[in-house]
């Protein structure tokens, strides 16, 4: 899991994890492992070119851990954009889903803070993270971003019906009249969605997807050390698709380091190119390994569905429609 995997776009090696760490059924040590992964770099100060190399490596290390780590990295960079700093030693997430009309609404509290109620879906890291950046809605059109201590919130994991990405501890959180002090607000009203880095952050997630595809190839290589001719064809296709995904991520990063770049267009194109390449990787992976790998090998049986679910957060058809609407 250290080889470059492609010639055109060499992938960074996977990061080492503690030998005793059970990546598929993590215990109390998961927090320390995650803290070790995200404590290595000054994330807010990295260029995009440097950042995507780190995210590629995280994705290649472990798909579920990469999702949690990327969320922390994104939160640190968002706080920097807001002129704030993270709480020392805290593990962060970004909980911003409004799936199926969920989300948090806020009204002004008597003490000048906010009273927050509602339901948050896809709150990954429940019981592992310390804090989360959460946009709450003042009305249909305006929101504020809050830096919340989430250690005392109740996390309902019963709605999560798949084994895919189980180590992310993704849950549903319901709050009722939670009083939050005004000091928890980060940035001005509407900061979260209007900031220049909002769309660019999606390219960081795409780097994790591309790294996750490298993880899939790694576990397939380990399970099939002597591939037959048909499998060799599939491995060749995987290599080509990895080069496409990594190349898109790096090309996007070079553009995002230019302050004049249209970040919306770049992020949309990067995410879409990467997702299409990763979908091809996943389809070939299933055909290459068949029921043997998917049913009998822990690493294959987790890496493939984990990455599949992770990439499905990107609405591919909607993105393709957007890309087809306007000429570059």
Protein backbone atom coordinates (compact mmCIF):
# COMPACT_ATOMS: atom_id res chain seq x y z
CA UNK A 1 0.00 0.00 0.00
CA UNK A 2 2.95 2.23 -0.64
CA UNK A 3 3.43 1.85 -4.41
CA UNK A 4 2.44 4.69 -6.75
CA UNK A 5 -0.21 2.56 -8.59
CA UNK A 6 0.03 4.75 -11.72
CA UNK A 7 2.88 6.25 -13.73
CA UNK A 8 1.18 9.44 -14.91
CA UNK A 9 -0.32 10.37 -11.54
CA UNK A 10 1.52 8.55 -8.72
CA UNK A 11 -0.59 8.18 -5.60
CA UNK A 12 0.88 9.06 -2.20
CA UNK A 13 1.27 6.07 0.13
CA UNK A 14 -1.28 5.17 2.76
CA UNK A 15 -0.57 6.51 6.24
CA UNK A 16 0.33 4.01 8.98
CA UNK A 17 -2.35 3.01 11.47
CA UNK A 18 -1.71 1.36 14.84
CA UNK A 19 -1.36 -2.39 14.41
CA UNK A 20 -4.04 -3.11 17.02
CA UNK A 21 -6.60 -0.77 15.42
CA UNK A 22 -9.64 -2.58 14.04
CA UNK A 23 -10.62 -0.38 11.12
CA UNK A 24 -13.85 -2.30 10.46
CA UNK A 25 -15.14 -2.37 14.04
CA UNK A 26 -13.27 0.42 15.81
CA UNK A 27 -13.45 0.76 19.56
CA UNK A 28 -12.58 3.54 21.95
CA UNK A 29 -9.19 3.91 20.27
CA UNK A 30 -10.79 5.40 17.15
CA UNK A 31 -10.69 8.90 18.60
CA UNK A 32 -6.96 8.72 19.25
CA UNK A 33 -6.31 7.32 15.77
CA UNK A 34 -8.35 10.09 14.16
CA UNK A 35 -6.63 12.72 16.29
CA UNK A 36 -3.28 11.38 15.14
CA UNK A 37 -4.27 11.64 11.49
CA UNK A 38 -5.56 15.20 11.70
CA UNK A 39 -2.89 16.49 14.06
CA UNK A 40 -0.09 16.22 11.52
CA UNK A 41 -0.51 19.41 9.50
CA UNK A 42 -1.47 23.11 9.85
CA UNK A 43 -4.53 22.58 7.66
CA UNK A 44 -5.64 26.20 7.42
CA UNK A 45 -2.29 27.22 5.95
CA UNK A 46 -1.87 24.55 3.26
CA UNK A 47 -2.16 25.45 -0.40
CA UNK A 48 -4.68 23.45 -2.36
CA UNK A 49 -1.87 21.61 -4.13
CA UNK A 50 -0.48 20.47 -0.76
CA UNK A 51 -3.90 19.82 0.74
CA UNK A 52 -5.10 17.39 -1.92
CA UNK A 53 -1.95 15.28 -1.55
CA UNK A 54 -2.76 14.89 2.14
CA UNK A 55 -6.40 14.03 1.38
CA UNK A 56 -5.40 11.53 -1.29
CA UNK A 57 -3.22 9.81 1.32
CA UNK A 58 -6.03 9.83 3.88
CA UNK A 59 -8.44 8.27 1.39
CA UNK A 60 -5.92 5.57 0.55
CA UNK A 61 -5.42 4.88 4.26
CA UNK A 62 -9.06 4.17 5.13
CA UNK A 63 -12.30 5.35 3.55
CA UNK A 64 -14.28 5.83 6.76
CA UNK A 65 -11.45 7.53 8.63
CA UNK A 66 -10.87 9.76 5.60
CA UNK A 67 -14.45 10.98 5.72
CA UNK A 68 -14.13 11.93 9.39
CA UNK A 69 -10.69 13.47 8.89
CA UNK A 70 -11.74 15.51 5.85
CA UNK A 71 -14.65 16.95 7.82
CA UNK A 72 -12.27 18.08 10.55
CA UNK A 73 -9.91 19.59 7.98
CA UNK A 74 -12.80 21.39 6.30
CA UNK A 75 -13.97 22.79 9.64
CA UNK A 76 -10.50 24.11 10.48
CA UNK A 77 -10.28 25.86 7.12
CA UNK A 78 -13.80 27.28 7.46
CA UNK A 79 -12.97 28.70 10.90
CA UNK A 80 -9.87 30.33 9.45
CA UNK A 81 -11.97 31.90 6.69
CA UNK A 82 -14.28 33.24 9.41
CA UNK A 83 -11.34 34.76 11.30
CA UNK A 84 -11.66 32.21 14.12
CA UNK A 85 -9.66 29.33 15.49
CA UNK A 86 -10.73 25.84 16.53
CA UNK A 87 -10.94 24.95 20.19
CA UNK A 88 -7.54 23.50 21.19
CA UNK A 89 -7.41 19.72 20.99
CA UNK A 90 -10.97 19.38 19.71
CA UNK A 91 -12.01 17.08 16.88
CA UNK A 92 -14.41 18.87 14.55
CA UNK A 93 -16.99 17.98 11.96
CA UNK A 94 -19.22 19.95 9.61
CA UNK A 95 -22.89 19.03 10.01
CA UNK A 96 -24.70 20.89 7.27
CA UNK A 97 -27.11 18.40 5.69
CA UNK A 98 -30.67 19.53 4.92
CA UNK A 99 -31.69 16.14 3.55
CA UNK A 100 -35.45 15.73 3.00
CA UNK A 101 -36.24 19.16 4.47
CA UNK A 102 -34.37 18.54 7.72
CA UNK A 103 -32.03 21.05 9.33
CA UNK A 104 -31.99 23.37 12.30
CA UNK A 105 -34.07 26.52 12.71
CA UNK A 106 -33.13 29.30 15.11
CA UNK A 107 -34.98 32.10 16.84
CA UNK A 108 -33.54 34.80 19.07
CA UNK A 109 -33.36 33.84 22.74
CA UNK A 110 -34.05 36.17 25.62
CA UNK A 111 -30.37 36.52 26.50
CA UNK A 112 -29.41 37.58 22.97
CA UNK A 113 -28.31 34.13 21.89
CA UNK A 114 -30.23 31.68 19.74
CA UNK A 115 -32.80 29.00 20.53
CA UNK A 116 -32.25 26.12 18.12
CA UNK A 117 -34.62 23.28 17.21
CA UNK A 118 -34.85 20.66 14.48
CA UNK A 119 -33.30 17.49 13.10
CA UNK A 120 -29.86 17.00 11.62
CA UNK A 121 -29.23 14.00 9.39
CA UNK A 122 -25.89 12.50 8.36
CA UNK A 123 -24.08 13.72 11.48
CA UNK A 124 -20.95 11.63 11.07
CA UNK A 125 -18.65 11.19 14.05
CA UNK A 126 -21.28 10.99 16.77
CA UNK A 127 -19.58 10.00 20.01
CA UNK A 128 -16.14 10.59 18.46
CA UNK A 129 -16.12 14.30 17.64
CA UNK A 130 -16.07 17.09 20.20
CA UNK A 131 -17.48 19.94 18.14
CA UNK A 132 -19.26 20.62 14.87
CA UNK A 133 -19.83 23.62 12.64
CA UNK A 134 -23.57 23.75 12.03
CA UNK A 135 -25.51 26.23 9.88
CA UNK A 136 -28.85 27.11 11.47
CA UNK A 137 -31.58 28.89 9.61
CA UNK A 138 -33.09 32.18 10.77
CA UNK A 139 -35.71 32.01 7.99
CA UNK A 140 -35.96 30.45 4.52
CA UNK A 141 -33.21 32.63 3.11
CA UNK A 142 -30.74 33.42 5.89
CA UNK A 143 -28.53 31.36 8.15
CA UNK A 144 -25.72 31.67 10.66
CA UNK A 145 -22.88 29.25 11.33
CA UNK A 146 -22.47 27.98 14.89
CA UNK A 147 -19.50 26.29 16.52
CA UNK A 148 -21.23 23.78 18.81
CA UNK A 149 -20.09 21.42 21.53
CA UNK A 150 -21.73 18.16 20.41
CA UNK A 151 -20.52 15.86 23.17
CA UNK A 152 -23.80 16.09 25.06
CA UNK A 153 -26.17 15.58 22.13
CA UNK A 154 -28.19 12.39 21.67
CA UNK A 155 -27.24 10.50 18.51
CA UNK A 156 -29.85 8.18 17.00
CA UNK A 157 -28.05 5.56 14.92
CA UNK A 158 -31.14 3.41 14.35
CA UNK A 159 -31.93 5.09 11.02
CA UNK A 160 -28.61 3.88 9.51
CA UNK A 161 -29.60 0.58 7.85
CA UNK A 162 -26.44 -0.28 5.96
CA UNK A 163 -23.14 -1.72 7.10
CA UNK A 164 -21.37 0.63 4.67
CA UNK A 165 -19.45 3.41 6.42
CA UNK A 166 -20.54 2.08 9.82
CA UNK A 167 -17.22 3.18 11.41
CA UNK A 168 -18.18 6.82 10.75
CA UNK A 169 -20.91 6.52 13.42
CA UNK A 170 -23.30 8.51 11.28
CA UNK A 171 -26.46 9.39 13.16
CA UNK A 172 -29.49 11.61 13.33
CA UNK A 173 -29.57 14.35 15.94
CA UNK A 174 -32.72 16.02 17.21
CA UNK A 175 -32.59 19.15 19.31
CA UNK A 176 -35.46 21.02 20.92
CA UNK A 177 -35.07 24.59 22.11
CA UNK A 178 -31.33 24.30 22.59
CA UNK A 179 -30.05 27.68 23.81
CA UNK A 180 -26.78 28.68 22.17
CA UNK A 181 -24.86 31.81 23.20
CA UNK A 182 -24.22 34.52 20.64
CA UNK A 183 -20.49 33.87 21.05
CA UNK A 184 -20.91 30.54 19.21
CA UNK A 185 -21.56 32.31 15.89
CA UNK A 186 -18.74 32.19 13.38
CA UNK A 187 -18.69 34.77 10.62
CA UNK A 188 -21.50 37.11 9.63
CA UNK A 189 -25.03 36.13 8.64
CA UNK A 190 -25.01 33.89 5.52
CA UNK A 191 -21.24 33.39 5.82
CA UNK A 192 -21.21 29.60 5.44
CA UNK A 193 -22.80 29.38 1.98
CA UNK A 194 -21.53 32.68 0.60
CA UNK A 195 -17.82 32.35 1.50
CA UNK A 196 -15.38 31.85 -1.40
CA UNK A 197 -14.27 28.46 -0.06
CA UNK A 198 -17.71 26.84 -0.01
CA UNK A 199 -17.62 25.24 -3.46
CA UNK A 200 -13.88 24.70 -3.36
CA UNK A 201 -14.26 22.45 -0.33
CA UNK A 202 -16.02 19.91 -2.53
CA UNK A 203 -12.77 19.33 -4.38
CA UNK A 204 -11.22 18.24 -1.10
CA UNK A 205 -13.88 15.57 -0.68
CA UNK A 206 -13.14 14.43 -4.25
CA UNK A 207 -9.49 13.94 -3.28
CA UNK A 208 -10.65 11.56 -0.55
CA UNK A 209 -12.77 9.69 -3.12
CA UNK A 210 -9.78 9.32 -5.43
CA UNK A 211 -7.64 8.15 -2.53
CA UNK A 212 -10.41 5.72 -1.59
CA UNK A 213 -10.21 4.26 -5.09
CA UNK A 214 -6.51 3.64 -4.45
CA UNK A 215 -7.50 1.86 -1.23
CA UNK A 216 -9.81 -0.39 -3.24
CA UNK A 217 -7.00 -1.25 -5.64
CA UNK A 218 -4.64 -1.92 -2.74
CA UNK A 219 -6.97 -4.42 -1.06
CA UNK A 220 -7.72 -6.11 -4.38
CA UNK A 221 -4.02 -6.49 -5.08
CA UNK A 222 -3.51 -7.97 -1.62
CA UNK A 223 -6.37 -10.46 -2.10
CA UNK A 224 -5.41 -11.36 -5.67
CA UNK A 225 -1.59 -11.48 -5.64
CA UNK A 226 -1.53 -13.67 -8.77
CA UNK A 227 -4.32 -12.37 -11.01
CA UNK A 228 -5.44 -14.43 -13.95
CA UNK A 229 -5.50 -12.89 -17.46
CA UNK A 230 -9.08 -11.67 -17.11
CA UNK A 231 -8.28 -10.05 -13.78
CA UNK A 232 -5.18 -8.45 -15.28
CA UNK A 233 -7.42 -6.69 -17.78
CA UNK A 234 -9.50 -5.32 -14.91
CA UNK A 235 -6.41 -4.21 -13.00
CA UNK A 236 -5.29 -2.36 -16.11
CA UNK A 237 -8.59 -0.51 -16.23
CA UNK A 238 -8.32 0.32 -12.54
CA UNK A 239 -4.88 1.81 -13.11
CA UNK A 240 -6.14 4.02 -15.92
CA UNK A 241 -9.14 5.22 -13.91
CA UNK A 242 -6.94 5.99 -10.91
CA UNK A 243 -4.78 8.18 -13.14
CA UNK A 244 -7.89 10.01 -14.34
CA UNK A 245 -9.18 10.62 -10.81
CA UNK A 246 -5.85 11.74 -9.34
CA UNK A 247 -5.13 13.91 -12.37
CA UNK A 248 -8.47 15.71 -12.05
CA UNK A 249 -7.89 16.35 -8.36
CA UNK A 250 -4.43 17.80 -8.94
CA UNK A 251 -5.48 19.89 -11.94
CA UNK A 252 -8.32 21.32 -9.87
CA UNK A 253 -5.97 22.09 -6.98
CA UNK A 254 -3.64 24.07 -9.24
CA UNK A 255 -6.58 26.17 -10.38
CA UNK A 256 -7.94 26.66 -6.87
CA UNK A 257 -4.62 28.13 -5.76
CA UNK A 258 -5.28 30.97 -8.24
CA UNK A 259 -7.53 33.54 -6.51
CA UNK A 260 -9.14 34.51 -9.84
CA UNK A 261 -10.49 30.98 -10.41
CA UNK A 262 -14.22 30.29 -10.70
CA UNK A 263 -14.26 27.86 -7.77
CA UNK A 264 -17.80 26.68 -8.47
CA UNK A 265 -16.97 25.50 -11.98
CA UNK A 266 -13.68 23.90 -10.93
CA UNK A 267 -15.14 22.00 -7.98
CA UNK A 268 -18.12 20.78 -9.99
CA UNK A 269 -15.92 19.48 -12.78
CA UNK A 270 -13.38 17.88 -10.42
CA UNK A 271 -16.05 16.11 -8.39
CA UNK A 272 -17.86 14.86 -11.47
CA UNK A 273 -14.75 13.56 -13.24
CA UNK A 274 -13.60 11.84 -10.05
CA UNK A 275 -16.98 10.28 -9.31
CA UNK A 276 -17.29 8.89 -12.83
CA UNK A 277 -13.79 7.40 -12.57
CA UNK A 278 -14.50 5.98 -9.12
CA UNK A 279 -17.77 4.45 -10.28
CA UNK A 280 -15.82 2.64 -13.01
CA UNK A 281 -13.30 1.49 -10.41
CA UNK A 282 -16.06 0.11 -8.20
CA UNK A 283 -17.82 -1.68 -11.07
CA UNK A 284 -14.56 -3.27 -12.20
CA UNK A 285 -13.64 -4.16 -8.62
CA UNK A 286 -16.85 -6.15 -8.20
CA UNK A 287 -16.31 -8.00 -11.46
CA UNK A 288 -12.64 -8.63 -10.73
CA UNK A 289 -13.05 -10.10 -7.27
CA UNK A 290 -16.53 -11.60 -7.58
CA UNK A 291 -18.31 -13.14 -4.59
CA UNK A 292 -15.05 -14.50 -3.19
CA UNK A 293 -13.51 -11.16 -2.30
CA UNK A 294 -16.78 -9.40 -1.52
CA UNK A 295 -17.97 -12.16 0.81
CA UNK A 296 -14.78 -13.59 2.30
CA UNK A 297 -12.25 -10.77 2.65
CA UNK A 298 -12.83 -8.13 5.33
CA UNK A 299 -10.87 -5.39 3.58
CA UNK A 300 -12.49 -5.88 0.16
CA UNK A 301 -15.96 -6.34 1.65
CA UNK A 302 -15.70 -2.99 3.45
CA UNK A 303 -13.67 -0.81 1.09
CA UNK A 304 -15.93 -1.29 -1.93
CA UNK A 305 -19.34 -0.48 -0.37
CA UNK A 306 -17.83 2.21 1.86
CA UNK A 307 -16.47 4.11 -1.13
CA UNK A 308 -19.64 3.53 -3.13
CA UNK A 309 -21.80 5.09 -0.43
CA UNK A 310 -19.35 7.95 0.12
CA UNK A 311 -19.38 8.96 -3.55
CA UNK A 312 -23.16 8.78 -3.82
CA UNK A 313 -23.38 12.05 -1.90
CA UNK A 314 -22.54 13.64 -5.27
CA UNK A 315 -25.64 13.97 -7.45
CA UNK A 316 -23.95 12.81 -10.65
CA UNK A 317 -26.89 13.31 -13.01
CA UNK A 318 -27.56 16.78 -11.66
CA UNK A 319 -23.89 17.68 -12.00
CA UNK A 320 -23.72 16.40 -15.56
CA UNK A 321 -26.80 18.45 -16.41
CA UNK A 322 -25.13 21.54 -14.95
CA UNK A 323 -21.92 20.90 -16.86
CA UNK A 324 -23.87 20.41 -20.07
CA UNK A 325 -25.83 23.64 -19.69
CA UNK A 326 -23.00 26.16 -20.04
CA UNK A 327 -19.94 26.04 -22.28
CA UNK A 328 -16.54 26.27 -20.58
